[in-house]
Amino acid sequence: MSRLWLVLALWGTVHPMYYFLSYMWAEGVGLTGLSQAWYVNASTTGLTWDLIIAALSLTVWVIYEALQKRDWLRLVAIPATFCIGVSCGLPLYLYLRGRKQ
């Protein structure tokens, strides 16, 4: 399973980033236009909130288990989640969680 989590984390980095970068290439580099697109209609707003809630839930879980296990490397999943996305952060966390210490 460890390799599968790592492959999913890489895919969860590359695939969404392709679309983000394509959008920014077409519309101009900057997070302002991208973040405005997240709230363009009810559908995208719902998806945005879905991902925000999932990211916050994952963050609480990561912090809780990192404190419990005293495994600070697991905290790397938090910036991965907020800088790249849940599609990277969750499988990365599961990879880090399953490794031998």
N, C-alpha and C. Protein backbone atom coordinates (compact mmCIF):
# COMPACT_ATOMS: atom_id res chain seq x y z
N MET A 1 0.82 -1.21 0.00
CA MET A 1 0.00 0.00 0.00
C MET A 1 0.86 1.26 0.00
N SER A 2 2.03 1.17 0.59
CA SER A 2 2.89 2.33 0.71
C SER A 2 3.19 2.95 -0.66
N ARG A 3 3.53 2.11 -1.62
CA ARG A 3 3.84 2.62 -2.96
C ARG A 3 2.60 3.24 -3.61
N LEU A 4 1.45 2.63 -3.38
CA LEU A 4 0.21 3.17 -3.94
C LEU A 4 -0.06 4.57 -3.40
N TRP A 5 0.12 4.78 -2.09
CA TRP A 5 -0.09 6.11 -1.50
C TRP A 5 0.86 7.12 -2.11
N LEU A 6 2.11 6.70 -2.30
CA LEU A 6 3.10 7.62 -2.88
C LEU A 6 2.75 7.97 -4.33
N VAL A 7 2.32 6.98 -5.10
CA VAL A 7 1.91 7.23 -6.49
C VAL A 7 0.70 8.17 -6.53
N LEU A 8 -0.27 7.94 -5.65
CA LEU A 8 -1.45 8.80 -5.60
C LEU A 8 -1.08 10.23 -5.18
N ALA A 9 -0.12 10.37 -4.26
CA ALA A 9 0.33 11.71 -3.85
C ALA A 9 0.99 12.44 -5.03
N LEU A 10 1.79 11.71 -5.79
CA LEU A 10 2.43 12.33 -6.96
C LEU A 10 1.39 12.69 -8.02
N TRP A 11 0.45 11.80 -8.26
CA TRP A 11 -0.61 12.08 -9.22
C TRP A 11 -1.46 13.27 -8.73
N GLY A 12 -1.74 13.29 -7.43
CA GLY A 12 -2.51 14.37 -6.83
C GLY A 12 -1.78 15.70 -6.84
N THR A 13 -0.50 15.67 -7.12
CA THR A 13 0.28 16.90 -7.29
C THR A 13 0.28 17.34 -8.75
N VAL A 14 0.62 16.42 -9.62
CA VAL A 14 0.84 16.75 -11.03
C VAL A 14 -0.46 17.05 -11.78
N HIS A 15 -1.45 16.20 -11.62
CA HIS A 15 -2.68 16.34 -12.41
C HIS A 15 -3.42 17.65 -12.11
N PRO A 16 -3.75 17.96 -10.86
CA PRO A 16 -4.41 19.24 -10.61
C PRO A 16 -3.54 20.45 -10.96
N MET A 17 -2.22 20.33 -10.71
CA MET A 17 -1.32 21.45 -10.99
C MET A 17 -1.30 21.78 -12.48
N TYR A 18 -1.45 20.77 -13.33
CA TYR A 18 -1.52 21.00 -14.78
C TYR A 18 -2.67 21.96 -15.10
N TYR A 19 -3.82 21.73 -14.51
CA TYR A 19 -4.99 22.58 -14.78
C TYR A 19 -4.84 23.97 -14.16
N PHE A 20 -4.28 24.03 -12.96
CA PHE A 20 -4.06 25.34 -12.34
C PHE A 20 -3.09 26.18 -13.18
N LEU A 21 -2.00 25.55 -13.59
CA LEU A 21 -1.01 26.28 -14.38
C LEU A 21 -1.55 26.64 -15.76
N SER A 22 -2.34 25.77 -16.37
CA SER A 22 -2.97 26.08 -17.66
C SER A 22 -3.88 27.29 -17.53
N TYR A 23 -4.65 27.31 -16.45
CA TYR A 23 -5.55 28.44 -16.22
C TYR A 23 -4.75 29.73 -16.04
N MET A 24 -3.72 29.68 -15.22
CA MET A 24 -2.92 30.88 -14.97
C MET A 24 -2.16 31.31 -16.22
N TRP A 25 -1.76 30.35 -17.04
CA TRP A 25 -1.07 30.68 -18.29
C TRP A 25 -2.02 31.44 -19.22
N ALA A 26 -3.27 30.98 -19.29
CA ALA A 26 -4.26 31.61 -20.18
C ALA A 26 -4.77 32.94 -19.64
N GLU A 27 -4.97 33.02 -18.33
CA GLU A 27 -5.59 34.20 -17.72
C GLU A 27 -4.59 35.17 -17.10
N GLY A 28 -3.34 34.78 -17.05
CA GLY A 28 -2.33 35.61 -16.41
C GLY A 28 -1.95 35.03 -15.06
N VAL A 29 -0.69 35.14 -14.74
CA VAL A 29 -0.18 34.57 -13.51
C VAL A 29 -0.68 35.38 -12.33
N GLY A 30 -1.21 34.69 -11.35
CA GLY A 30 -1.71 35.35 -10.15
C GLY A 30 -2.80 34.52 -9.51
N LEU A 31 -2.81 34.55 -8.21
CA LEU A 31 -3.80 33.78 -7.48
C LEU A 31 -5.15 34.48 -7.37
N THR A 32 -5.18 35.78 -7.65
CA THR A 32 -6.43 36.53 -7.53
C THR A 32 -7.49 35.99 -8.48
N GLY A 33 -7.15 35.86 -9.75
CA GLY A 33 -8.10 35.35 -10.73
C GLY A 33 -8.49 33.91 -10.46
N LEU A 34 -7.53 33.12 -10.05
CA LEU A 34 -7.80 31.72 -9.73
C LEU A 34 -8.74 31.61 -8.55
N SER A 35 -8.49 32.37 -7.50
CA SER A 35 -9.36 32.29 -6.32
C SER A 35 -10.75 32.86 -6.61
N GLN A 36 -10.85 33.84 -7.49
CA GLN A 36 -12.17 34.35 -7.87
C GLN A 36 -12.96 33.30 -8.64
N ALA A 37 -12.27 32.48 -9.42
CA ALA A 37 -12.94 31.42 -10.19
C ALA A 37 -13.53 30.35 -9.28
N TRP A 38 -13.00 30.23 -8.08
CA TRP A 38 -13.52 29.23 -7.14
C TRP A 38 -14.94 29.56 -6.69
N TYR A 39 -15.34 30.82 -6.82
CA TYR A 39 -16.65 31.25 -6.34
C TYR A 39 -17.51 31.81 -7.47
N VAL A 40 -17.28 31.35 -8.71
CA VAL A 40 -17.98 31.91 -9.86
C VAL A 40 -19.45 31.49 -9.92
N ASN A 41 -19.79 30.32 -9.39
CA ASN A 41 -21.20 29.90 -9.35
C ASN A 41 -21.39 28.95 -8.17
N ALA A 42 -22.62 28.52 -7.97
CA ALA A 42 -22.94 27.68 -6.81
C ALA A 42 -22.20 26.34 -6.85
N SER A 43 -21.99 25.81 -8.02
CA SER A 43 -21.30 24.52 -8.15
C SER A 43 -19.84 24.62 -7.71
N THR A 44 -19.13 25.61 -8.23
CA THR A 44 -17.73 25.75 -7.84
C THR A 44 -17.59 26.20 -6.39
N THR A 45 -18.51 26.99 -5.91
CA THR A 45 -18.48 27.39 -4.50
C THR A 45 -18.67 26.17 -3.60
N GLY A 46 -19.60 25.29 -3.96
CA GLY A 46 -19.81 24.06 -3.19
C GLY A 46 -18.57 23.18 -3.19
N LEU A 47 -17.93 23.02 -4.35
CA LEU A 47 -16.70 22.23 -4.42
C LEU A 47 -15.57 22.87 -3.62
N THR A 48 -15.50 24.19 -3.67
CA THR A 48 -14.47 24.90 -2.91
C THR A 48 -14.64 24.65 -1.42
N TRP A 49 -15.87 24.80 -0.93
CA TRP A 49 -16.12 24.57 0.50
C TRP A 49 -15.91 23.11 0.88
N ASP A 50 -16.25 22.20 -0.01
CA ASP A 50 -16.01 20.78 0.21
C ASP A 50 -14.52 20.52 0.45
N LEU A 51 -13.68 21.11 -0.40
CA LEU A 51 -12.23 20.92 -0.27
C LEU A 51 -11.67 21.64 0.96
N ILE A 52 -12.20 22.81 1.28
CA ILE A 52 -11.74 23.53 2.47
C ILE A 52 -12.03 22.72 3.73
N ILE A 53 -13.25 22.18 3.82
CA ILE A 53 -13.62 21.39 4.99
C ILE A 53 -12.79 20.11 5.06
N ALA A 54 -12.57 19.46 3.91
CA ALA A 54 -11.74 18.25 3.88
C ALA A 54 -10.30 18.58 4.30
N ALA A 55 -9.76 19.70 3.83
CA ALA A 55 -8.40 20.10 4.19
C ALA A 55 -8.28 20.40 5.69
N LEU A 56 -9.28 21.07 6.25
CA LEU A 56 -9.26 21.36 7.69
C LEU A 56 -9.39 20.07 8.51
N SER A 57 -10.23 19.17 8.06
CA SER A 57 -10.39 17.88 8.76
C SER A 57 -9.08 17.09 8.73
N LEU A 58 -8.46 17.06 7.57
CA LEU A 58 -7.17 16.36 7.44
C LEU A 58 -6.12 17.01 8.35
N THR A 59 -6.12 18.32 8.41
CA THR A 59 -5.15 19.03 9.25
C THR A 59 -5.32 18.67 10.72
N VAL A 60 -6.55 18.64 11.19
CA VAL A 60 -6.81 18.26 12.59
C VAL A 60 -6.33 16.83 12.83
N TRP A 61 -6.63 15.93 11.91
CA TRP A 61 -6.21 14.53 12.04
C TRP A 61 -4.68 14.41 12.07
N VAL A 62 -4.01 15.11 11.17
CA VAL A 62 -2.54 15.07 11.11
C VAL A 62 -1.94 15.58 12.42
N ILE A 63 -2.41 16.71 12.90
CA ILE A 63 -1.87 17.29 14.13
C ILE A 63 -2.12 16.36 15.31
N TYR A 64 -3.33 15.84 15.41
CA TYR A 64 -3.68 14.93 16.50
C TYR A 64 -2.76 13.71 16.51
N GLU A 65 -2.60 13.06 15.37
CA GLU A 65 -1.76 11.85 15.34
C GLU A 65 -0.28 12.17 15.47
N ALA A 66 0.16 13.30 14.95
CA ALA A 66 1.57 13.68 15.09
C ALA A 66 1.91 13.91 16.56
N LEU A 67 1.02 14.57 17.28
CA LEU A 67 1.24 14.78 18.72
C LEU A 67 1.19 13.47 19.49
N GLN A 68 0.26 12.62 19.12
CA GLN A 68 0.08 11.34 19.81
C GLN A 68 1.28 10.42 19.59
N LYS A 69 1.77 10.36 18.36
CA LYS A 69 2.86 9.43 18.01
C LYS A 69 4.23 10.08 18.10
N ARG A 70 4.27 11.39 18.31
CA ARG A 70 5.53 12.14 18.34
C ARG A 70 6.32 11.93 17.04
N ASP A 71 5.58 11.92 15.93
CA ASP A 71 6.17 11.75 14.60
C ASP A 71 5.95 13.05 13.83
N TRP A 72 6.94 13.92 13.90
CA TRP A 72 6.79 15.27 13.38
C TRP A 72 6.87 15.33 11.86
N LEU A 73 7.44 14.32 11.22
CA LEU A 73 7.50 14.31 9.77
C LEU A 73 6.11 14.28 9.14
N ARG A 74 5.15 13.71 9.83
CA ARG A 74 3.77 13.67 9.34
C ARG A 74 3.21 15.06 9.08
N LEU A 75 3.74 16.06 9.78
CA LEU A 75 3.24 17.43 9.63
C LEU A 75 3.51 18.00 8.24
N VAL A 76 4.38 17.37 7.48
CA VAL A 76 4.66 17.80 6.11
C VAL A 76 3.39 17.76 5.26
N ALA A 77 2.45 16.90 5.62
CA ALA A 77 1.21 16.79 4.86
C ALA A 77 0.35 18.05 4.94
N ILE A 78 0.55 18.86 5.98
CA ILE A 78 -0.27 20.08 6.12
C ILE A 78 0.07 21.12 5.05
N PRO A 79 1.35 21.52 4.90
CA PRO A 79 1.62 22.47 3.81
C PRO A 79 1.35 21.88 2.43
N ALA A 80 1.55 20.56 2.28
CA ALA A 80 1.23 19.93 0.99
C ALA A 80 -0.26 20.06 0.69
N THR A 81 -1.08 19.93 1.71
CA THR A 81 -2.53 20.04 1.53
C THR A 81 -2.94 21.44 1.14
N PHE A 82 -2.40 22.46 1.80
CA PHE A 82 -2.83 23.83 1.55
C PHE A 82 -2.10 24.48 0.37
N CYS A 83 -0.91 24.01 0.02
CA CYS A 83 -0.18 24.58 -1.11
C CYS A 83 -0.48 23.85 -2.42
N ILE A 84 -0.78 22.57 -2.33
CA ILE A 84 -1.05 21.78 -3.54
C ILE A 84 -2.51 21.35 -3.58
N GLY A 85 -2.97 20.67 -2.52
CA GLY A 85 -4.36 20.26 -2.47
C GLY A 85 -4.54 18.99 -1.65
N VAL A 86 -5.79 18.70 -1.35
CA VAL A 86 -6.12 17.49 -0.59
C VAL A 86 -5.72 16.25 -1.39
N SER A 87 -5.77 16.35 -2.72
CA SER A 87 -5.41 15.22 -3.57
C SER A 87 -3.95 14.83 -3.41
N CYS A 88 -3.13 15.71 -2.93
CA CYS A 88 -1.73 15.41 -2.61
C CYS A 88 -1.56 15.15 -1.12
N GLY A 89 -2.14 16.00 -0.29
CA GLY A 89 -1.93 15.93 1.16
C GLY A 89 -2.42 14.65 1.80
N LEU A 90 -3.59 14.16 1.42
CA LEU A 90 -4.14 12.95 2.04
C LEU A 90 -3.30 11.71 1.69
N PRO A 91 -3.03 11.42 0.42
CA PRO A 91 -2.21 10.24 0.17
C PRO A 91 -0.78 10.38 0.71
N LEU A 92 -0.25 11.61 0.72
CA LEU A 92 1.08 11.81 1.30
C LEU A 92 1.05 11.47 2.79
N TYR A 93 0.01 11.93 3.48
CA TYR A 93 -0.11 11.62 4.90
C TYR A 93 -0.24 10.12 5.13
N LEU A 94 -1.04 9.44 4.32
CA LEU A 94 -1.19 7.99 4.47
C LEU A 94 0.13 7.27 4.18
N TYR A 95 0.91 7.79 3.24
CA TYR A 95 2.24 7.23 2.98
C TYR A 95 3.14 7.40 4.21
N LEU A 96 3.17 8.63 4.74
CA LEU A 96 4.03 8.91 5.89
C LEU A 96 3.56 8.13 7.13
N ARG A 97 2.28 7.96 7.27
CA ARG A 97 1.71 7.24 8.40
C ARG A 97 2.07 5.75 8.36
N GLY A 98 2.19 5.20 7.16
CA GLY A 98 2.44 3.77 7.02
C GLY A 98 3.90 3.38 6.98
N ARG A 99 4.80 4.36 6.94
CA ARG A 99 6.22 4.01 6.86
C ARG A 99 6.73 3.46 8.18
N LYS A 100 7.79 2.69 8.10
CA LYS A 100 8.40 2.14 9.32
C LYS A 100 9.26 3.20 9.98
N GLN A 101 9.14 3.30 11.29
CA GLN A 101 9.93 4.30 12.02
C GLN A 101 11.13 3.66 12.68
